[in-house]
Amino acid sequence: MPSFVVQKHAARRLHYDFRLEVGGVLKSWAVTRGPSLVAGERRLAIEVEDHLLSYGSFEGVIPSGSYGAGAVLLWDRGIWEPDGDPVAGLAAGSLRFRLHGAKLTGGWRLMRMAPRGRQVSWLLIKADDEAARPRSALDILEECPLSVVSGCSIEDLSADTS
């Protein structure tokens, strides 16, 4: 099964890098507000460059002056199951899949938005299933802010380089 990873990234702005293993690379999106477990809630996901599979295990600090400078922690990881051919789904602008991670599970959808400017924008949407939470529940980002590997917070990683 292919892997997925979500990296919490304190670059110019805090965001979450959502990555799916497809065709030997990590297809990647910057999710500005992070994933939500509320069914149907749409989270903006800006498509970014593909990353090497090895980047999926990176946790640390990208040095100042480098692209993406800032602390990166492994917020979640696991395996994912596409519903159909993922390459065709991405090309068509609609990919349905299931995640099996420590924090994110169940059904999800990536849906490409109409083109605006140079950025390719998608929506990351949680399916209405057994893993969905009601809107009144505590946000998973607040409930589980730490790394699934080290147990560190983004502040811990940032402080280690000060």
C-alpha atoms as a PDB file:
ATOM      1  CA  MET A   1       0.000   0.000   0.000  1.00  0.00           C
ATOM      2  CA  PRO A   2       1.247   3.516  -0.738  1.00  0.00           C
ATOM      3  CA  SER A   3       2.159   5.851   2.106  1.00  0.00           C
ATOM      4  CA  PHE A   4       0.846   9.241   3.126  1.00  0.00           C
ATOM      5  CA  VAL A   5       2.309  11.848   5.436  1.00  0.00           C
ATOM      6  CA  VAL A   6       1.130  15.139   6.898  1.00  0.00           C
ATOM      7  CA  GLN A   7       3.914  17.467   7.982  1.00  0.00           C
ATOM      8  CA  LYS A   8       3.174  20.464  10.191  1.00  0.00           C
ATOM      9  CA  HIS A   9       5.362  23.217   8.747  1.00  0.00           C
ATOM     10  CA  ALA A  10       6.168  26.519  10.436  1.00  0.00           C
ATOM     11  CA  ALA A  11       7.500  28.388   7.395  1.00  0.00           C
ATOM     12  CA  ARG A  12       6.464  31.990   6.673  1.00  0.00           C
ATOM     13  CA  ARG A  13       3.028  30.863   7.858  1.00  0.00           C
ATOM     14  CA  LEU A  14       2.070  27.737   9.736  1.00  0.00           C
ATOM     15  CA  HIS A  15       0.461  25.186   7.415  1.00  0.00           C
ATOM     16  CA  TYR A  16       0.225  21.431   6.918  1.00  0.00           C
ATOM     17  CA  ASP A  17       1.880  19.670   3.977  1.00  0.00           C
ATOM     18  CA  PHE A  18      -0.400  16.826   2.867  1.00  0.00           C
ATOM     19  CA  ARG A  19       1.484  14.217   0.813  1.00  0.00           C
ATOM     20  CA  LEU A  20       0.307  11.077  -0.997  1.00  0.00           C
ATOM     21  CA  GLU A  21       2.658   8.506  -2.521  1.00  0.00           C
ATOM     22  CA  VAL A  22       1.770   8.246  -6.215  1.00  0.00           C
ATOM     23  CA  GLY A  23       4.024   6.928  -8.981  1.00  0.00           C
ATOM     24  CA  GLY A  24       7.176   6.832  -6.873  1.00  0.00           C
ATOM     25  CA  VAL A  25       6.941  10.405  -5.549  1.00  0.00           C
ATOM     26  CA  LEU A  26       4.999  12.284  -2.876  1.00  0.00           C
ATOM     27  CA  LYS A  27       2.285  14.354  -4.541  1.00  0.00           C
ATOM     28  CA  SER A  28       1.997  17.378  -2.269  1.00  0.00           C
ATOM     29  CA  TRP A  29      -0.440  20.080  -1.208  1.00  0.00           C
ATOM     30  CA  ALA A  30      -0.036  22.897   1.328  1.00  0.00           C
ATOM     31  CA  VAL A  31      -3.207  22.873   3.431  1.00  0.00           C
ATOM     32  CA  THR A  32      -3.370  26.334   4.941  1.00  0.00           C
ATOM     33  CA  ARG A  33      -5.712  25.549   7.853  1.00  0.00           C
ATOM     34  CA  GLY A  34      -4.805  21.863   8.157  1.00  0.00           C
ATOM     35  CA  PRO A  35      -7.106  18.874   7.649  1.00  0.00           C
ATOM     36  CA  SER A  36     -10.491  18.740   9.381  1.00  0.00           C
ATOM     37  CA  LEU A  37     -12.370  15.663  10.602  1.00  0.00           C
ATOM     38  CA  VAL A  38     -15.720  17.438  10.168  1.00  0.00           C
ATOM     39  CA  ALA A  39     -17.592  15.757   7.308  1.00  0.00           C
ATOM     40  CA  GLY A  40     -17.953  18.002   4.284  1.00  0.00           C
ATOM     41  CA  GLU A  41     -15.752  20.790   5.646  1.00  0.00           C
ATOM     42  CA  ARG A  42     -13.588  22.111   2.824  1.00  0.00           C
ATOM     43  CA  ARG A  43      -9.963  22.981   3.434  1.00  0.00           C
ATOM     44  CA  LEU A  44      -7.968  24.838   0.793  1.00  0.00           C
ATOM     45  CA  ALA A  45      -5.052  22.731  -0.473  1.00  0.00           C
ATOM     46  CA  ILE A  46      -2.548  24.464  -2.782  1.00  0.00           C
ATOM     47  CA  GLU A  47      -0.736  22.010  -5.048  1.00  0.00           C
ATOM     48  CA  VAL A  48       3.032  22.258  -4.646  1.00  0.00           C
ATOM     49  CA  GLU A  49       5.953  20.424  -6.241  1.00  0.00           C
ATOM     50  CA  ASP A  50       6.337  16.668  -5.894  1.00  0.00           C
ATOM     51  CA  HIS A  51       8.797  15.485  -3.249  1.00  0.00           C
ATOM     52  CA  LEU A  52      11.069  12.453  -3.059  1.00  0.00           C
ATOM     53  CA  LEU A  53       9.670   9.578  -0.988  1.00  0.00           C
ATOM     54  CA  SER A  54      12.555   9.994   1.456  1.00  0.00           C
ATOM     55  CA  TYR A  55      11.240  13.460   2.372  1.00  0.00           C
ATOM     56  CA  GLY A  56       8.226  11.782   3.967  1.00  0.00           C
ATOM     57  CA  SER A  57      10.342  10.868   6.999  1.00  0.00           C
ATOM     58  CA  PHE A  58      11.864  14.344   7.474  1.00  0.00           C
ATOM     59  CA  GLU A  59      11.379  16.022  10.827  1.00  0.00           C
ATOM     60  CA  GLY A  60      13.605  18.930  11.798  1.00  0.00           C
ATOM     61  CA  VAL A  61      14.384  22.476  10.806  1.00  0.00           C
ATOM     62  CA  ILE A  62      14.991  23.722   7.270  1.00  0.00           C
ATOM     63  CA  PRO A  63      17.733  26.374   7.655  1.00  0.00           C
ATOM     64  CA  SER A  64      17.052  30.076   7.275  1.00  0.00           C
ATOM     65  CA  GLY A  65      17.692  31.247   3.712  1.00  0.00           C
ATOM     66  CA  SER A  66      16.559  27.894   2.247  1.00  0.00           C
ATOM     67  CA  TYR A  67      13.265  27.311   0.434  1.00  0.00           C
ATOM     68  CA  GLY A  68      10.618  26.430   3.037  1.00  0.00           C
ATOM     69  CA  ALA A  69      12.809  27.544   5.956  1.00  0.00           C
ATOM     70  CA  GLY A  70      11.326  26.671   9.339  1.00  0.00           C
ATOM     71  CA  ALA A  71      10.429  23.770  11.602  1.00  0.00           C
ATOM     72  CA  VAL A  72       8.786  20.658  10.136  1.00  0.00           C
ATOM     73  CA  LEU A  73       7.261  17.897  12.240  1.00  0.00           C
ATOM     74  CA  LEU A  74       5.655  14.616  11.259  1.00  0.00           C
ATOM     75  CA  TRP A  75       2.102  15.322  12.354  1.00  0.00           C
ATOM     76  CA  ASP A  76       0.630  12.123  10.875  1.00  0.00           C
ATOM     77  CA  ARG A  77       1.598   9.239   8.641  1.00  0.00           C
ATOM     78  CA  GLY A  78       0.275   5.926   7.459  1.00  0.00           C
ATOM     79  CA  ILE A  79      -0.996   4.243   4.339  1.00  0.00           C
ATOM     80  CA  TRP A  80      -3.729   5.224   1.925  1.00  0.00           C
ATOM     81  CA  GLU A  81      -6.055   3.443  -0.484  1.00  0.00           C
ATOM     82  CA  PRO A  82      -7.182   5.206  -3.645  1.00  0.00           C
ATOM     83  CA  ASP A  83     -10.704   4.640  -4.922  1.00  0.00           C
ATOM     84  CA  GLY A  84      -9.747   3.720  -8.464  1.00  0.00           C
ATOM     85  CA  ASP A  85      -6.670   4.830 -10.396  1.00  0.00           C
ATOM     86  CA  PRO A  86      -5.016   7.704  -8.498  1.00  0.00           C
ATOM     87  CA  VAL A  87      -3.190   9.044 -11.560  1.00  0.00           C
ATOM     88  CA  ALA A  88      -6.458   9.235 -13.504  1.00  0.00           C
ATOM     89  CA  GLY A  89      -8.264  10.751 -10.504  1.00  0.00           C
ATOM     90  CA  LEU A  90      -5.657  13.480 -10.090  1.00  0.00           C
ATOM     91  CA  ALA A  91      -5.688  14.208 -13.830  1.00  0.00           C
ATOM     92  CA  ALA A  92      -9.496  14.466 -13.750  1.00  0.00           C
ATOM     93  CA  GLY A  93      -9.374  16.733 -10.715  1.00  0.00           C
ATOM     94  CA  SER A  94     -11.218  14.444  -8.294  1.00  0.00           C
ATOM     95  CA  LEU A  95      -9.548  11.821  -6.128  1.00  0.00           C
ATOM     96  CA  ARG A  96     -11.401   9.783  -3.505  1.00  0.00           C
ATOM     97  CA  PHE A  97      -9.371   7.742  -1.027  1.00  0.00           C
ATOM     98  CA  ARG A  98      -9.159   6.243   2.465  1.00  0.00           C
ATOM     99  CA  LEU A  99      -6.473   7.102   4.992  1.00  0.00           C
ATOM    100  CA  HIS A 100      -5.150   4.729   7.644  1.00  0.00           C
ATOM    101  CA  GLY A 101      -3.024   6.947   9.885  1.00  0.00           C
ATOM    102  CA  ALA A 102      -2.481   7.619  13.563  1.00  0.00           C
ATOM    103  CA  LYS A 103      -4.703  10.745  13.443  1.00  0.00           C
ATOM    104  CA  LEU A 104      -6.449  10.775  10.062  1.00  0.00           C
ATOM    105  CA  THR A 105      -8.596   7.811   9.056  1.00  0.00           C
ATOM    106  CA  GLY A 106     -11.568   7.057   6.859  1.00  0.00           C
ATOM    107  CA  GLY A 107     -12.713   8.487   3.570  1.00  0.00           C
ATOM    108  CA  TRP A 108     -11.469  11.718   1.992  1.00  0.00           C
ATOM    109  CA  ARG A 109     -11.619  13.594  -1.291  1.00  0.00           C
ATOM    110  CA  LEU A 110      -9.330  15.980  -3.114  1.00  0.00           C
ATOM    111  CA  MET A 111     -11.230  18.117  -5.606  1.00  0.00           C
ATOM    112  CA  ARG A 112      -9.499  20.563  -7.966  1.00  0.00           C
ATOM    113  CA  MET A 113     -10.985  24.040  -8.129  1.00  0.00           C
ATOM    114  CA  ALA A 114     -11.393  26.167 -11.243  1.00  0.00           C
ATOM    115  CA  PRO A 115      -8.052  27.717 -12.263  1.00  0.00           C
ATOM    116  CA  ARG A 116      -7.211  31.143 -10.813  1.00  0.00           C
ATOM    117  CA  GLY A 117      -3.750  32.560 -11.326  1.00  0.00           C
ATOM    118  CA  ARG A 118      -0.701  30.296 -11.355  1.00  0.00           C
ATOM    119  CA  GLN A 119      -1.510  28.237  -8.272  1.00  0.00           C
ATOM    120  CA  VAL A 120      -3.442  25.025  -8.679  1.00  0.00           C
ATOM    121  CA  SER A 121      -5.958  24.960  -5.850  1.00  0.00           C
ATOM    122  CA  TRP A 122      -7.774  21.933  -4.502  1.00  0.00           C
ATOM    123  CA  LEU A 123     -10.181  21.272  -1.667  1.00  0.00           C
ATOM    124  CA  LEU A 124      -9.441  18.563   0.904  1.00  0.00           C
ATOM    125  CA  ILE A 125     -12.769  17.236   2.181  1.00  0.00           C
ATOM    126  CA  LYS A 126     -13.525  14.635   4.874  1.00  0.00           C
ATOM    127  CA  ALA A 127     -16.186  12.050   3.962  1.00  0.00           C
ATOM    128  CA  ASP A 128     -19.236  11.512   6.153  1.00  0.00           C
ATOM    129  CA  ASP A 129     -18.216   8.184   7.668  1.00  0.00           C
ATOM    130  CA  GLU A 130     -17.370   6.478  10.978  1.00  0.00           C
ATOM    131  CA  ALA A 131     -14.205   8.593  11.382  1.00  0.00           C
ATOM    132  CA  ALA A 132     -15.947  11.956  10.911  1.00  0.00           C
ATOM    133  CA  ARG A 133     -16.542  14.238  13.890  1.00  0.00           C
ATOM    134  CA  PRO A 134     -19.356  16.690  14.567  1.00  0.00           C
ATOM    135  CA  ARG A 135     -18.617  20.389  14.129  1.00  0.00           C
ATOM    136  CA  SER A 136     -18.916  20.802  17.931  1.00  0.00           C
ATOM    137  CA  ALA A 137     -16.046  18.351  18.632  1.00  0.00           C
ATOM    138  CA  LEU A 138     -12.538  19.513  19.505  1.00  0.00           C
ATOM    139  CA  ASP A 139     -10.478  20.151  16.359  1.00  0.00           C
ATOM    140  CA  ILE A 140      -7.975  17.317  15.714  1.00  0.00           C
ATOM    141  CA  LEU A 141      -5.254  19.945  15.148  1.00  0.00           C
ATOM    142  CA  GLU A 142      -5.736  21.270  18.679  1.00  0.00           C
ATOM    143  CA  GLU A 143      -6.362  17.880  20.281  1.00  0.00           C
ATOM    144  CA  CYS A 144      -3.275  16.241  18.745  1.00  0.00           C
ATOM    145  CA  PRO A 145      -0.651  18.900  17.909  1.00  0.00           C
ATOM    146  CA  LEU A 146       2.460  16.760  18.479  1.00  0.00           C
ATOM    147  CA  SER A 147       4.652  14.666  16.182  1.00  0.00           C
ATOM    148  CA  VAL A 148       3.625  11.037  15.741  1.00  0.00           C
ATOM    149  CA  VAL A 149       7.325  10.096  15.726  1.00  0.00           C
ATOM    150  CA  SER A 150       9.126  12.208  18.326  1.00  0.00           C
ATOM    151  CA  GLY A 151       6.295  13.551  20.466  1.00  0.00           C
ATOM    152  CA  CYS A 152       7.738  17.053  19.930  1.00  0.00           C
ATOM    153  CA  SER A 153       5.730  20.194  19.331  1.00  0.00           C
ATOM    154  CA  ILE A 154       6.525  22.605  16.504  1.00  0.00           C
ATOM    155  CA  GLU A 155       7.743  25.022  19.196  1.00  0.00           C
ATOM    156  CA  ASP A 156      10.124  22.344  20.590  1.00  0.00           C
ATOM    157  CA  LEU A 157      11.679  21.886  17.139  1.00  0.00           C
ATOM    158  CA  SER A 158      11.972  25.641  16.577  1.00  0.00           C
ATOM    159  CA  ALA A 159      13.588  26.148  20.007  1.00  0.00           C
ATOM    160  CA  ASP A 160      16.183  23.432  19.360  1.00  0.00           C
ATOM    161  CA  THR A 161      17.796  25.678  16.715  1.00  0.00           C
ATOM    162  CA  SER A 162      17.702  28.925  18.692  1.00  0.00           C
END
